[in-house]
Amino acid sequence: MPKRSQPPDLLACSTAGDTAQAIAWYEKAAAQGYGYAACNLACIYADGEGVVADSVLAEHYRRLAHQYLTDDAELAELDALVQRKCG
């Protein structure tokens, strides 16, 4: 699948009432190969941002991000975050 550019930060644009919808859009984008969406989901599930923290989903989306992103610095930062939060 081709690598995709970064989608807008949906959570930053969301209100408390539509956080679930923003996450749903990230999930759809990640499934279509948007690496930054997968990266954002890994962070969301690692931090428990708008959802219950889930280390299994954080790891799933971290791995998915690795399939689509090529920036080693961003991937290293993502890995460190997921490791720190989910240990």
Protein backbone atom coordinates (compact mmCIF):
# COMPACT_ATOMS: atom_id res chain seq x y z
CA MET A 1 0.00 0.00 0.00
CA PRO A 2 1.38 3.46 -0.79
CA LYS A 3 2.53 5.75 1.98
CA ARG A 4 0.16 8.62 2.69
CA SER A 5 0.65 12.12 4.00
CA GLN A 6 -0.38 13.25 7.46
CA PRO A 7 -4.13 13.79 7.97
CA PRO A 8 -5.33 16.76 10.02
CA ASP A 9 -5.14 16.40 13.80
CA LEU A 10 -8.74 15.34 14.30
CA LEU A 11 -8.56 15.17 18.10
CA ALA A 12 -7.26 18.72 18.34
CA CYS A 13 -10.27 19.85 16.30
CA SER A 14 -12.77 17.74 18.21
CA THR A 15 -14.92 18.56 21.18
CA ALA A 16 -15.69 16.17 24.02
CA GLY A 17 -18.83 15.01 22.22
CA ASP A 18 -17.14 13.87 19.03
CA THR A 19 -13.85 12.37 20.21
CA ALA A 20 -15.16 8.89 19.42
CA GLN A 21 -15.98 10.02 15.89
CA ALA A 22 -12.50 11.50 15.46
CA ILE A 23 -10.95 8.21 16.57
CA ALA A 24 -13.21 6.34 14.15
CA TRP A 25 -11.91 8.53 11.29
CA TYR A 26 -8.32 7.88 12.36
CA GLU A 27 -9.05 4.14 12.34
CA LYS A 28 -10.46 4.36 8.80
CA ALA A 29 -7.47 6.39 7.64
CA ALA A 30 -4.99 3.97 9.25
CA ALA A 31 -6.71 1.03 7.57
CA GLN A 32 -6.19 2.79 4.22
CA GLY A 33 -2.47 3.26 4.73
CA TYR A 34 -2.19 6.65 6.41
CA GLY A 35 0.82 6.08 8.64
CA TYR A 36 0.32 9.26 10.64
CA ALA A 37 -3.21 8.17 11.51
CA ALA A 38 -1.80 4.88 12.84
CA CYS A 39 0.85 6.83 14.72
CA ASN A 40 -1.78 9.09 16.26
CA LEU A 41 -3.89 6.09 17.27
CA ALA A 42 -0.88 4.45 18.92
CA CYS A 43 -0.39 7.62 20.96
CA ILE A 44 -4.11 7.93 21.75
CA TYR A 45 -4.35 4.36 23.04
CA ALA A 46 -1.02 4.57 24.88
CA ASP A 47 -2.05 7.81 26.63
CA GLY A 48 -5.71 6.95 27.09
CA GLU A 49 -6.61 10.21 25.35
CA GLY A 50 -10.42 10.15 25.05
CA VAL A 51 -10.42 6.36 25.47
CA VAL A 52 -9.41 3.83 28.09
CA ALA A 53 -5.67 3.26 27.71
CA ASP A 54 -5.07 0.00 25.84
CA SER A 55 -1.53 -1.30 25.44
CA VAL A 56 -2.59 -3.99 22.93
CA LEU A 57 -4.18 -1.43 20.58
CA ALA A 58 -1.28 0.97 21.11
CA GLU A 59 1.14 -1.76 20.02
CA HIS A 60 -1.07 -2.74 17.07
CA TYR A 61 -1.15 0.81 15.73
CA ARG A 62 2.57 1.30 16.49
CA ARG A 63 3.36 -1.67 14.27
CA LEU A 64 0.99 -0.42 11.58
CA ALA A 65 2.70 2.98 11.64
CA HIS A 66 6.03 1.24 11.07
CA GLN A 67 4.63 -0.31 7.89
CA TYR A 68 3.75 3.05 6.37
CA LEU A 69 6.15 5.67 7.77
CA THR A 70 9.80 6.09 6.83
CA ASP A 71 10.94 8.89 9.13
CA ASP A 72 13.23 7.11 11.61
CA ALA A 73 13.13 9.98 14.11
CA GLU A 74 9.32 9.98 14.24
CA LEU A 75 9.21 6.20 14.57
CA ALA A 76 11.81 6.26 17.36
CA GLU A 77 9.74 8.87 19.20
CA LEU A 78 6.60 6.78 18.76
CA ASP A 79 8.37 3.65 19.98
CA ALA A 80 9.64 5.47 23.07
CA LEU A 81 6.18 6.82 23.88
CA VAL A 82 4.46 3.44 23.55
CA GLN A 83 7.22 1.74 25.55
CA ARG A 84 7.04 4.38 28.30
CA LYS A 85 3.25 4.30 28.54
CA CYS A 86 2.65 0.59 27.94
CA GLY A 87 5.95 -0.84 29.13
